[in-house]
C-alpha atoms as a PDB file:
ATOM      1  CA  MET A   1       0.000   0.000   0.000  1.00  0.00           C
ATOM      2  CA  SER A   2       1.367   3.408  -0.946  1.00  0.00           C
ATOM      3  CA  GLU A   3       1.834   6.149   1.620  1.00  0.00           C
ATOM      4  CA  THR A   4      -0.990   8.141   0.044  1.00  0.00           C
ATOM      5  CA  ASP A   5      -3.344   5.152   0.157  1.00  0.00           C
ATOM      6  CA  ARG A   6      -2.393   4.465   3.775  1.00  0.00           C
ATOM      7  CA  LYS A   7      -3.118   8.065   4.742  1.00  0.00           C
ATOM      8  CA  ALA A   8      -6.419   8.035   2.879  1.00  0.00           C
ATOM      9  CA  GLN A   9      -7.518   4.838   4.601  1.00  0.00           C
ATOM     10  CA  GLU A  10      -6.610   6.132   8.070  1.00  0.00           C
ATOM     11  CA  PHE A  11      -8.337   9.420   7.355  1.00  0.00           C
ATOM     12  CA  GLU A  12     -11.568   7.807   6.161  1.00  0.00           C
ATOM     13  CA  GLU A  13     -11.693   5.644   9.277  1.00  0.00           C
ATOM     14  CA  LEU A  14     -11.496   8.779  11.424  1.00  0.00           C
ATOM     15  CA  ARG A  15     -13.710  11.013   9.259  1.00  0.00           C
ATOM     16  CA  PRO A  16     -16.893  10.396  11.339  1.00  0.00           C
ATOM     17  CA  LEU A  17     -15.104  11.482  14.516  1.00  0.00           C
ATOM     18  CA  LEU A  18     -13.564  14.536  12.834  1.00  0.00           C
ATOM     19  CA  PHE A  19     -16.916  15.685  11.449  1.00  0.00           C
ATOM     20  CA  SER A  20     -18.627  15.178  14.801  1.00  0.00           C
ATOM     21  CA  ILE A  21     -15.993  17.269  16.594  1.00  0.00           C
ATOM     22  CA  ALA A  22     -16.203  20.047  13.995  1.00  0.00           C
ATOM     23  CA  TYR A  23     -20.007  20.095  13.918  1.00  0.00           C
ATOM     24  CA  ARG A  24     -20.287  20.437  17.691  1.00  0.00           C
ATOM     25  CA  ILE A  25     -17.832  23.323  17.648  1.00  0.00           C
ATOM     26  CA  LEU A  26     -19.354  25.064  14.630  1.00  0.00           C
ATOM     27  CA  GLY A  27     -23.051  24.129  14.556  1.00  0.00           C
ATOM     28  CA  SER A  28     -22.867  24.074  10.757  1.00  0.00           C
ATOM     29  CA  VAL A  29     -22.831  21.015   8.520  1.00  0.00           C
ATOM     30  CA  GLY A  30     -21.230  22.875   5.627  1.00  0.00           C
ATOM     31  CA  GLU A  31     -18.525  24.498   7.744  1.00  0.00           C
ATOM     32  CA  ALA A  32     -17.816  21.199   9.504  1.00  0.00           C
ATOM     33  CA  GLU A  33     -17.422  19.404   6.177  1.00  0.00           C
ATOM     34  CA  ASP A  34     -15.080  22.158   4.968  1.00  0.00           C
ATOM     35  CA  ALA A  35     -13.030  21.855   8.164  1.00  0.00           C
ATOM     36  CA  VAL A  36     -12.714  18.106   7.666  1.00  0.00           C
ATOM     37  CA  GLN A  37     -11.640  18.582   4.049  1.00  0.00           C
ATOM     38  CA  GLU A  38      -9.028  21.160   5.073  1.00  0.00           C
ATOM     39  CA  THR A  39      -7.792  18.692   7.697  1.00  0.00           C
ATOM     40  CA  TRP A  40      -7.261  16.091   4.972  1.00  0.00           C
ATOM     41  CA  LEU A  41      -5.326  18.547   2.811  1.00  0.00           C
ATOM     42  CA  ARG A  42      -3.001  19.382   5.693  1.00  0.00           C
ATOM     43  CA  TYR A  43      -2.539  15.723   6.577  1.00  0.00           C
ATOM     44  CA  ASP A  44      -1.921  14.705   2.968  1.00  0.00           C
ATOM     45  CA  GLY A  45       0.598  17.516   2.575  1.00  0.00           C
ATOM     46  CA  SER A  46       2.482  16.739   5.764  1.00  0.00           C
ATOM     47  CA  ALA A  47       5.824  14.995   5.384  1.00  0.00           C
ATOM     48  CA  THR A  48       5.892  13.977   9.053  1.00  0.00           C
ATOM     49  CA  ARG A  49       4.225  10.774  10.176  1.00  0.00           C
ATOM     50  CA  PRO A  50       2.430  11.497  13.485  1.00  0.00           C
ATOM     51  CA  THR A  51       2.819   9.234  16.501  1.00  0.00           C
ATOM     52  CA  SER A  52      -0.988   9.081  16.760  1.00  0.00           C
ATOM     53  CA  THR A  53      -3.012   9.764  13.628  1.00  0.00           C
ATOM     54  CA  LYS A  54      -6.184  10.186  15.689  1.00  0.00           C
ATOM     55  CA  SER A  55      -4.585  12.806  17.936  1.00  0.00           C
ATOM     56  CA  PHE A  56      -3.034  14.645  14.993  1.00  0.00           C
ATOM     57  CA  LEU A  57      -6.236  14.787  12.942  1.00  0.00           C
ATOM     58  CA  SER A  58      -8.458  15.623  15.928  1.00  0.00           C
ATOM     59  CA  ALA A  59      -6.131  18.461  16.897  1.00  0.00           C
ATOM     60  CA  THR A  60      -6.002  19.766  13.339  1.00  0.00           C
ATOM     61  CA  VAL A  61      -9.762  19.771  12.784  1.00  0.00           C
ATOM     62  CA  THR A  62     -10.275  21.414  16.186  1.00  0.00           C
ATOM     63  CA  ARG A  63      -7.832  24.237  15.447  1.00  0.00           C
ATOM     64  CA  ILE A  64      -9.421  24.845  12.056  1.00  0.00           C
ATOM     65  CA  SER A  65     -12.892  24.861  13.636  1.00  0.00           C
ATOM     66  CA  ILE A  66     -11.828  27.361  16.305  1.00  0.00           C
ATOM     67  CA  ASP A  67     -10.559  29.743  13.607  1.00  0.00           C
ATOM     68  CA  VAL A  68     -13.767  29.356  11.576  1.00  0.00           C
ATOM     69  CA  LEU A  69     -15.928  29.907  14.665  1.00  0.00           C
ATOM     70  CA  ARG A  70     -14.147  33.151  15.515  1.00  0.00           C
ATOM     71  CA  SER A  71     -15.004  34.605  12.117  1.00  0.00           C
ATOM     72  CA  ALA A  72     -18.509  33.121  12.153  1.00  0.00           C
ATOM     73  CA  ARG A  73     -19.358  34.902  15.412  1.00  0.00           C
ATOM     74  CA  VAL A  74     -19.569  38.251  13.627  1.00  0.00           C
ATOM     75  CA  ARG A  75     -21.958  36.881  11.005  1.00  0.00           C
ATOM     76  CA  ARG A  76     -24.151  35.290  13.658  1.00  0.00           C
ATOM     77  CA  GLU A  77     -24.391  38.551  15.604  1.00  0.00           C
ATOM     78  CA  GLU A  78     -25.763  40.203  12.446  1.00  0.00           C
ATOM     79  CA  TYR A  79     -28.127  37.317  11.659  1.00  0.00           C
ATOM     80  CA  VAL A  80     -31.777  38.188  10.972  1.00  0.00           C
ATOM     81  CA  GLY A  81     -34.017  36.657  13.633  1.00  0.00           C
ATOM     82  CA  PRO A  82     -33.235  33.632  15.802  1.00  0.00           C
ATOM     83  CA  TRP A  83     -30.138  31.629  14.805  1.00  0.00           C
ATOM     84  CA  PHE A  84     -30.245  27.823  14.981  1.00  0.00           C
ATOM     85  CA  PRO A  85     -27.612  25.266  14.029  1.00  0.00           C
ATOM     86  CA  GLU A  86     -27.945  23.566  10.658  1.00  0.00           C
ATOM     87  CA  PRO A  87     -30.115  20.472  11.204  1.00  0.00           C
ATOM     88  CA  LEU A  88     -28.243  17.180  11.408  1.00  0.00           C
ATOM     89  CA  LEU A  89     -30.282  14.098  10.567  1.00  0.00           C
ATOM     90  CA  SER A  90     -27.661  11.556  11.622  1.00  0.00           C
ATOM     91  CA  ASP A  91     -24.397  11.813  13.511  1.00  0.00           C
ATOM     92  CA  PRO A  92     -21.764   9.761  11.645  1.00  0.00           C
ATOM     93  CA  TYR A  93     -19.800   9.077  14.836  1.00  0.00           C
ATOM     94  CA  GLN A  94     -21.328   6.044  16.537  1.00  0.00           C
ATOM     95  CA  ASP A  95     -20.475   4.742  19.998  1.00  0.00           C
ATOM     96  CA  PRO A  96     -23.217   2.388  21.236  1.00  0.00           C
ATOM     97  CA  ALA A  97     -21.990   2.646  24.831  1.00  0.00           C
ATOM     98  CA  ARG A  98     -22.493   6.440  24.783  1.00  0.00           C
ATOM     99  CA  SER A  99     -25.283   6.861  22.231  1.00  0.00           C
ATOM    100  CA  VAL A 100     -27.616   8.744  24.582  1.00  0.00           C
ATOM    101  CA  GLU A 101     -24.887  11.137  25.722  1.00  0.00           C
ATOM    102  CA  LEU A 102     -23.781  11.784  22.152  1.00  0.00           C
ATOM    103  CA  ALA A 103     -27.366  12.515  21.074  1.00  0.00           C
ATOM    104  CA  ASP A 104     -27.736  14.905  24.009  1.00  0.00           C
ATOM    105  CA  SER A 105     -24.576  16.798  23.045  1.00  0.00           C
ATOM    106  CA  VAL A 106     -25.703  17.339  19.443  1.00  0.00           C
ATOM    107  CA  SER A 107     -29.253  18.501  20.257  1.00  0.00           C
ATOM    108  CA  MET A 108     -30.345  21.970  19.163  1.00  0.00           C
ATOM    109  CA  ALA A 109     -30.690  23.000  22.797  1.00  0.00           C
ATOM    110  CA  ALA A 110     -27.145  21.899  23.663  1.00  0.00           C
ATOM    111  CA  LEU A 111     -25.608  23.547  20.607  1.00  0.00           C
ATOM    112  CA  LEU A 112     -27.381  26.819  21.367  1.00  0.00           C
ATOM    113  CA  LEU A 113     -25.945  26.734  24.884  1.00  0.00           C
ATOM    114  CA  LEU A 114     -22.486  26.105  23.453  1.00  0.00           C
ATOM    115  CA  GLU A 115     -22.912  29.328  21.455  1.00  0.00           C
ATOM    116  CA  GLN A 116     -22.555  31.210  24.761  1.00  0.00           C
ATOM    117  CA  LEU A 117     -19.004  29.938  25.259  1.00  0.00           C
ATOM    118  CA  SER A 118     -15.829  31.414  23.840  1.00  0.00           C
ATOM    119  CA  PRO A 119     -14.324  29.410  20.960  1.00  0.00           C
ATOM    120  CA  LEU A 120     -11.600  28.012  23.257  1.00  0.00           C
ATOM    121  CA  GLU A 121     -14.087  27.109  25.999  1.00  0.00           C
ATOM    122  CA  ARG A 122     -16.320  25.439  23.438  1.00  0.00           C
ATOM    123  CA  ALA A 123     -13.476  23.396  21.959  1.00  0.00           C
ATOM    124  CA  VAL A 124     -12.210  22.274  25.365  1.00  0.00           C
ATOM    125  CA  PHE A 125     -15.729  21.382  26.500  1.00  0.00           C
ATOM    126  CA  VAL A 126     -16.444  19.351  23.352  1.00  0.00           C
ATOM    127  CA  LEU A 127     -13.137  17.485  23.412  1.00  0.00           C
ATOM    128  CA  ARG A 128     -13.316  16.669  27.119  1.00  0.00           C
ATOM    129  CA  GLU A 129     -17.006  16.314  27.956  1.00  0.00           C
ATOM    130  CA  VAL A 130     -18.219  14.744  24.718  1.00  0.00           C
ATOM    131  CA  PHE A 131     -15.233  12.830  23.357  1.00  0.00           C
ATOM    132  CA  ALA A 132     -13.266  12.233  26.586  1.00  0.00           C
ATOM    133  CA  PHE A 133      -9.891  13.429  25.310  1.00  0.00           C
ATOM    134  CA  GLY A 134      -7.145  13.693  27.903  1.00  0.00           C
ATOM    135  CA  PHE A 135      -6.032  17.111  29.114  1.00  0.00           C
ATOM    136  CA  ASP A 136      -2.568  16.508  27.655  1.00  0.00           C
ATOM    137  CA  GLU A 137      -4.077  16.093  24.175  1.00  0.00           C
ATOM    138  CA  ILE A 138      -6.413  19.050  24.653  1.00  0.00           C
ATOM    139  CA  ALA A 139      -3.557  21.280  25.826  1.00  0.00           C
ATOM    140  CA  THR A 140      -1.526  20.455  22.736  1.00  0.00           C
ATOM    141  CA  THR A 141      -4.551  21.013  20.512  1.00  0.00           C
ATOM    142  CA  VAL A 142      -5.507  24.488  21.755  1.00  0.00           C
ATOM    143  CA  GLY A 143      -2.000  25.690  22.619  1.00  0.00           C
ATOM    144  CA  ARG A 144      -2.623  26.182  26.326  1.00  0.00           C
ATOM    145  CA  SER A 145      -1.222  24.503  29.424  1.00  0.00           C
ATOM    146  CA  GLU A 146      -3.116  21.625  31.014  1.00  0.00           C
ATOM    147  CA  SER A 147      -3.867  23.872  33.973  1.00  0.00           C
ATOM    148  CA  ALA A 148      -5.299  26.551  31.681  1.00  0.00           C
ATOM    149  CA  CYS A 149      -7.425  23.934  29.896  1.00  0.00           C
ATOM    150  CA  ARG A 150      -8.825  22.747  33.207  1.00  0.00           C
ATOM    151  CA  GLN A 151      -9.808  26.330  34.014  1.00  0.00           C
ATOM    152  CA  LEU A 152     -11.407  26.728  30.591  1.00  0.00           C
ATOM    153  CA  LEU A 153     -13.435  23.587  31.267  1.00  0.00           C
ATOM    154  CA  VAL A 154     -14.493  24.826  34.712  1.00  0.00           C
ATOM    155  CA  ARG A 155     -15.783  28.072  33.162  1.00  0.00           C
ATOM    156  CA  ALA A 156     -17.524  26.206  30.366  1.00  0.00           C
ATOM    157  CA  ARG A 157     -19.205  23.818  32.794  1.00  0.00           C
ATOM    158  CA  ARG A 158     -20.341  26.753  34.924  1.00  0.00           C
ATOM    159  CA  HIS A 159     -21.957  28.435  31.897  1.00  0.00           C
ATOM    160  CA  MET A 160     -23.640  25.205  30.841  1.00  0.00           C
ATOM    161  CA  ALA A 161     -24.650  23.743  34.211  1.00  0.00           C
ATOM    162  CA  ASP A 162     -27.871  25.566  35.016  1.00  0.00           C
ATOM    163  CA  ARG A 163     -29.459  25.355  31.582  1.00  0.00           C
ATOM    164  CA  ARG A 164     -27.862  22.305  30.030  1.00  0.00           C
ATOM    165  CA  PRO A 165     -30.629  20.117  28.566  1.00  0.00           C
ATOM    166  CA  ARG A 166     -31.200  16.701  30.082  1.00  0.00           C
ATOM    167  CA  PHE A 167     -33.521  14.666  27.910  1.00  0.00           C
ATOM    168  CA  ALA A 168     -34.397  12.074  30.539  1.00  0.00           C
ATOM    169  CA  ALA A 169     -37.171  10.391  28.554  1.00  0.00           C
ATOM    170  CA  ASP A 170     -36.068   7.126  26.988  1.00  0.00           C
ATOM    171  CA  ARG A 171     -35.961   6.789  23.230  1.00  0.00           C
ATOM    172  CA  GLN A 172     -39.214   4.822  22.938  1.00  0.00           C
ATOM    173  CA  GLU A 173     -41.111   7.279  25.142  1.00  0.00           C
ATOM    174  CA  ARG A 174     -39.883  10.227  23.081  1.00  0.00           C
ATOM    175  CA  GLN A 175     -40.806   8.539  19.817  1.00  0.00           C
ATOM    176  CA  GLU A 176     -44.286   7.600  21.051  1.00  0.00           C
ATOM    177  CA  LEU A 177     -44.928  11.196  22.086  1.00  0.00           C
ATOM    178  CA  ALA A 178     -43.577  12.458  18.763  1.00  0.00           C
ATOM    179  CA  THR A 179     -45.868  10.049  16.868  1.00  0.00           C
ATOM    180  CA  ARG A 180     -48.883  11.391  18.748  1.00  0.00           C
ATOM    181  CA  PHE A 181     -47.716  14.949  18.080  1.00  0.00           C
ATOM    182  CA  PHE A 182     -47.359  14.508  14.321  1.00  0.00           C
ATOM    183  CA  ASP A 183     -50.665  12.638  14.089  1.00  0.00           C
ATOM    184  CA  ALA A 184     -52.396  15.536  15.838  1.00  0.00           C
ATOM    185  CA  LEU A 185     -50.497  18.012  13.651  1.00  0.00           C
ATOM    186  CA  LYS A 186     -51.664  16.303  10.470  1.00  0.00           C
ATOM    187  CA  ASP A 187     -55.290  16.273  11.667  1.00  0.00           C
ATOM    188  CA  GLY A 188     -55.245  19.835  12.956  1.00  0.00           C
ATOM    189  CA  ASP A 189     -56.258  18.502  16.368  1.00  0.00           C
ATOM    190  CA  VAL A 190     -55.698  21.584  18.523  1.00  0.00           C
ATOM    191  CA  GLY A 191     -56.882  19.850  21.708  1.00  0.00           C
ATOM    192  CA  GLY A 192     -54.683  16.840  21.066  1.00  0.00           C
ATOM    193  CA  LEU A 193     -51.683  19.081  20.446  1.00  0.00           C
ATOM    194  CA  ARG A 194     -52.327  21.078  23.604  1.00  0.00           C
ATOM    195  CA  GLU A 195     -52.222  17.919  25.722  1.00  0.00           C
ATOM    196  CA  LEU A 196     -48.698  17.155  24.515  1.00  0.00           C
ATOM    197  CA  LEU A 197     -47.252  20.624  25.077  1.00  0.00           C
ATOM    198  CA  ALA A 198     -45.693  22.026  28.238  1.00  0.00           C
ATOM    199  CA  ALA A 199     -47.513  25.064  29.602  1.00  0.00           C
ATOM    200  CA  ASP A 200     -44.599  27.341  28.709  1.00  0.00           C
ATOM    201  CA  VAL A 201     -43.745  25.688  25.386  1.00  0.00           C
ATOM    202  CA  GLN A 202     -42.079  27.799  22.688  1.00  0.00           C
ATOM    203  CA  PHE A 203     -42.373  27.473  18.914  1.00  0.00           C
ATOM    204  CA  VAL A 204     -39.553  29.313  17.144  1.00  0.00           C
ATOM    205  CA  GLY A 205     -38.505  29.501  13.498  1.00  0.00           C
ATOM    206  CA  ASP A 206     -35.142  30.304  11.905  1.00  0.00           C
ATOM    207  CA  GLY A 207     -35.698  31.832   8.480  1.00  0.00           C
ATOM    208  CA  GLY A 208     -32.698  34.133   8.486  1.00  0.00           C
ATOM    209  CA  GLY A 209     -34.660  36.703   6.509  1.00  0.00           C
ATOM    210  CA  LYS A 210     -34.594  34.322   3.525  1.00  0.00           C
ATOM    211  CA  ALA A 211     -37.861  32.477   4.100  1.00  0.00           C
ATOM    212  CA  PRO A 212     -41.287  33.248   5.585  1.00  0.00           C
ATOM    213  CA  GLN A 213     -41.525  32.689   9.310  1.00  0.00           C
ATOM    214  CA  LEU A 214     -44.217  30.089  10.018  1.00  0.00           C
ATOM    215  CA  ALA A 215     -43.895  31.115  13.624  1.00  0.00           C
ATOM    216  CA  ARG A 216     -41.543  33.283  15.595  1.00  0.00           C
ATOM    217  CA  ALA A 217     -41.383  32.956  19.347  1.00  0.00           C
ATOM    218  CA  VAL A 218     -44.984  31.784  19.802  1.00  0.00           C
ATOM    219  CA  MET A 219     -45.321  31.156  23.529  1.00  0.00           C
ATOM    220  CA  GLY A 220     -47.648  29.021  25.659  1.00  0.00           C
ATOM    221  CA  ALA A 221     -49.510  25.776  25.026  1.00  0.00           C
ATOM    222  CA  ASP A 222     -52.761  27.393  23.871  1.00  0.00           C
ATOM    223  CA  ASN A 223     -51.087  29.738  21.392  1.00  0.00           C
ATOM    224  CA  VAL A 224     -48.690  27.154  19.995  1.00  0.00           C
ATOM    225  CA  ALA A 225     -51.422  24.507  19.623  1.00  0.00           C
ATOM    226  CA  ARG A 226     -53.655  27.000  17.823  1.00  0.00           C
ATOM    227  CA  VAL A 227     -50.887  28.082  15.398  1.00  0.00           C
ATOM    228  CA  LEU A 228     -49.826  24.509  14.659  1.00  0.00           C
ATOM    229  CA  GLY A 229     -53.386  23.237  14.344  1.00  0.00           C
ATOM    230  CA  THR A 230     -54.252  26.038  11.921  1.00  0.00           C
ATOM    231  CA  VAL A 231     -51.218  26.214   9.644  1.00  0.00           C
ATOM    232  CA  PHE A 232     -50.070  22.648   9.127  1.00  0.00           C
ATOM    233  CA  PRO A 233     -53.333  21.086   7.895  1.00  0.00           C
ATOM    234  CA  TRP A 234     -53.379  23.781   5.210  1.00  0.00           C
ATOM    235  CA  LEU A 235     -49.828  22.896   4.214  1.00  0.00           C
ATOM    236  CA  ILE A 236     -50.938  19.302   3.755  1.00  0.00           C
ATOM    237  CA  ARG A 237     -53.839  20.472   1.571  1.00  0.00           C
ATOM    238  CA  ILE A 238     -51.366  22.061  -0.837  1.00  0.00           C
ATOM    239  CA  ASP A 239     -49.408  18.785  -0.978  1.00  0.00           C
ATOM    240  CA  VAL A 240     -46.720  19.529   1.570  1.00  0.00           C
ATOM    241  CA  SER A 241     -45.700  16.233   3.161  1.00  0.00           C
ATOM    242  CA  PHE A 242     -43.547  15.331   6.109  1.00  0.00           C
ATOM    243  CA  GLU A 243     -41.586  12.316   7.238  1.00  0.00           C
ATOM    244  CA  PRO A 244     -40.785  11.797  10.926  1.00  0.00           C
ATOM    245  CA  HIS A 245     -37.041  11.756  11.399  1.00  0.00           C
ATOM    246  CA  GLU A 246     -34.595  12.359  14.200  1.00  0.00           C
ATOM    247  CA  VAL A 247     -33.175  15.882  13.994  1.00  0.00           C
ATOM    248  CA  ASN A 248     -30.039  16.514  16.023  1.00  0.00           C
ATOM    249  CA  GLY A 249     -30.618  13.364  18.024  1.00  0.00           C
ATOM    250  CA  GLN A 250     -34.150  14.350  19.057  1.00  0.00           C
ATOM    251  CA  PRO A 251     -37.607  13.585  17.592  1.00  0.00           C
ATOM    252  CA  GLY A 252     -38.475  15.688  14.585  1.00  0.00           C
ATOM    253  CA  ALA A 253     -39.545  15.690  10.970  1.00  0.00           C
ATOM    254  CA  LEU A 254     -38.466  16.731   7.504  1.00  0.00           C
ATOM    255  CA  PHE A 255     -41.072  18.650   5.462  1.00  0.00           C
ATOM    256  CA  ARG A 256     -41.156  18.624   1.641  1.00  0.00           C
ATOM    257  CA  ASP A 257     -43.148  20.407  -1.039  1.00  0.00           C
ATOM    258  CA  ARG A 258     -45.151  18.535  -3.678  1.00  0.00           C
ATOM    259  CA  ASP A 259     -42.017  18.059  -5.771  1.00  0.00           C
ATOM    260  CA  GLY A 260     -40.174  16.399  -2.914  1.00  0.00           C
ATOM    261  CA  LYS A 261     -37.912  19.388  -2.235  1.00  0.00           C
ATOM    262  CA  VAL A 262     -36.956  20.188   1.351  1.00  0.00           C
ATOM    263  CA  LEU A 263     -39.135  22.929   2.853  1.00  0.00           C
ATOM    264  CA  HIS A 264     -38.050  22.907   6.495  1.00  0.00           C
ATOM    265  CA  THR A 265     -37.292  20.746   9.512  1.00  0.00           C
ATOM    266  CA  LEU A 266     -38.936  20.556  12.915  1.00  0.00           C
ATOM    267  CA  ALA A 267     -37.104  19.426  16.041  1.00  0.00           C
ATOM    268  CA  LEU A 268     -38.814  18.677  19.354  1.00  0.00           C
ATOM    269  CA  ASP A 269     -37.306  19.024  22.826  1.00  0.00           C
ATOM    270  CA  VAL A 270     -39.062  16.464  25.044  1.00  0.00           C
ATOM    271  CA  LEU A 271     -38.779  16.505  28.826  1.00  0.00           C
ATOM    272  CA  ASP A 272     -41.002  15.093  31.591  1.00  0.00           C
ATOM    273  CA  GLY A 273     -43.432  13.638  29.069  1.00  0.00           C
ATOM    274  CA  GLN A 274     -44.128  16.964  27.359  1.00  0.00           C
ATOM    275  CA  ILE A 275     -42.776  18.963  24.438  1.00  0.00           C
ATOM    276  CA  GLN A 276     -40.848  21.927  25.794  1.00  0.00           C
ATOM    277  CA  THR A 277     -39.618  23.591  22.587  1.00  0.00           C
ATOM    278  CA  ILE A 278     -40.345  23.239  18.869  1.00  0.00           C
ATOM    279  CA  ARG A 279     -37.698  24.604  16.511  1.00  0.00           C
ATOM    280  CA  ALA A 280     -38.214  25.024  12.772  1.00  0.00           C
ATOM    281  CA  VAL A 281     -35.264  25.616  10.458  1.00  0.00           C
ATOM    282  CA  ILE A 282     -36.616  27.313   7.331  1.00  0.00           C
ATOM    283  CA  ASN A 283     -33.562  29.228   6.077  1.00  0.00           C
ATOM    284  CA  PRO A 284     -32.808  27.587   2.697  1.00  0.00           C
ATOM    285  CA  ASP A 285     -29.057  28.103   3.179  1.00  0.00           C
ATOM    286  CA  LYS A 286     -29.190  25.706   6.144  1.00  0.00           C
ATOM    287  CA  LEU A 287     -31.050  22.973   4.262  1.00  0.00           C
ATOM    288  CA  THR A 288     -28.952  22.440   1.126  1.00  0.00           C
ATOM    289  CA  HIS A 289     -27.097  19.457   2.619  1.00  0.00           C
ATOM    290  CA  LEU A 290     -30.451  17.636   2.884  1.00  0.00           C
ATOM    291  CA  GLY A 291     -31.175  17.773  -0.852  1.00  0.00           C
ATOM    292  CA  PRO A 292     -32.852  20.164  -3.316  1.00  0.00           C
ATOM    293  CA  VAL A 293     -34.536  22.999  -1.401  1.00  0.00           C
ATOM    294  CA  ALA A 294     -38.084  24.209  -1.974  1.00  0.00           C
ATOM    295  CA  ASP A 295     -39.084  27.787  -2.701  1.00  0.00           C
ATOM    296  CA  ALA A 296     -40.601  28.587   0.694  1.00  0.00           C
ATOM    297  CA  TRP A 297     -41.935  31.937  -0.513  1.00  0.00           C
ATOM    298  CA  ALA A 298     -43.865  30.217  -3.334  1.00  0.00           C
ATOM    299  CA  VAL A 299     -45.291  27.685  -0.872  1.00  0.00           C
ATOM    300  CA  ASP A 300     -46.331  30.531   1.423  1.00  0.00           C
ATOM    301  CA  ARG A 301     -48.071  32.360  -1.438  1.00  0.00           C
ATOM    302  CA  GLU A 302     -49.935  29.199  -2.428  1.00  0.00           C
ATOM    303  CA  LEU A 303     -50.951  28.622   1.179  1.00  0.00           C
ATOM    304  CA  ARG A 304     -52.342  32.140   1.529  1.00  0.00           C
ATOM    305  CA  HIS A 305     -54.180  31.860  -1.772  1.00  0.00           C
ATOM    306  CA  ALA A 306     -55.742  28.530  -0.786  1.00  0.00           C
ATOM    307  CA  ARG A 307     -56.958  29.922   2.528  1.00  0.00           C
ATOM    308  CA  ARG A 308     -58.433  33.029   0.891  1.00  0.00           C
ATOM    309  CA  ARG A 309     -60.172  30.958  -1.764  1.00  0.00           C
ATOM    310  CA  THR A 310     -61.750  28.681   0.849  1.00  0.00           C
ATOM    311  CA  ALA A 311     -62.830  31.629   2.991  1.00  0.00           C
ATOM    312  CA  GLY A 312     -64.739  33.069   0.047  1.00  0.00           C
ATOM    313  CA  PRO A 313     -65.861  36.681  -0.384  1.00  0.00           C
ATOM    314  CA  THR A 314     -66.645  38.751   2.685  1.00  0.00           C
ATOM    315  CA  VAL A 315     -70.038  40.388   3.037  1.00  0.00           C
END
């Protein structure tokens, strides 16, 4: 086997881990994929054979991700409306012994909390808390002493502790609740939806100014149930379909227009047998990795026209 082939094989074996590190630091599928590709280019171009390929590649993708995150912060501060991570339908890094913990760490709620940390705090937290890297490896990766990395982790844990999501419901319980939710959504069953929602539930959409907001910060079980029960049955009437699917490790769904193009995703935060938060990602720029993207404005116009036509003339 040639040196290039050996490197390529080692890299491909570690690609799922590298992507998962980058995504948790960046919250962007596209930026994470770019960071992984840049990591390969640096590895392929290196004349030195590392003692540990895993350590070398993990350190490289982390450093690249930190640099990207620093520049991305400015863009996110100028973002129109609420900013959510790009939806991830499946995490390529699999560890059956830690599957629940890994799903927790990639949830929308967890990634939004990570946004509050500095890039260094975020990287240290991800490497240590999620992937259990040693402090010696982390110190080498971020260019700080082990003592400094421990302090960074302490600060990160303090920021995360009070509001860090804990999705205690088991997988089957979450899926059963999600099935009931999407059945009620399809039928426009406002009462059935209300029963599944926490009293202080929030329904929030990320359109980034590039798509119509189906809902923005709708608060409370009554209001959210009424909005959901009104809008979504009409979407189905104009041939919008949805398929239940895990989104960022939590129950959710992928919505498509009549041509099968991706319209938006929904992700549900479930805790104590109720839905606490519903997040819709509608910004087309954040959906391109899922396939061809629908024209959300055209769908919105058709929806409004259908509702006006059914309402008929006013007297």
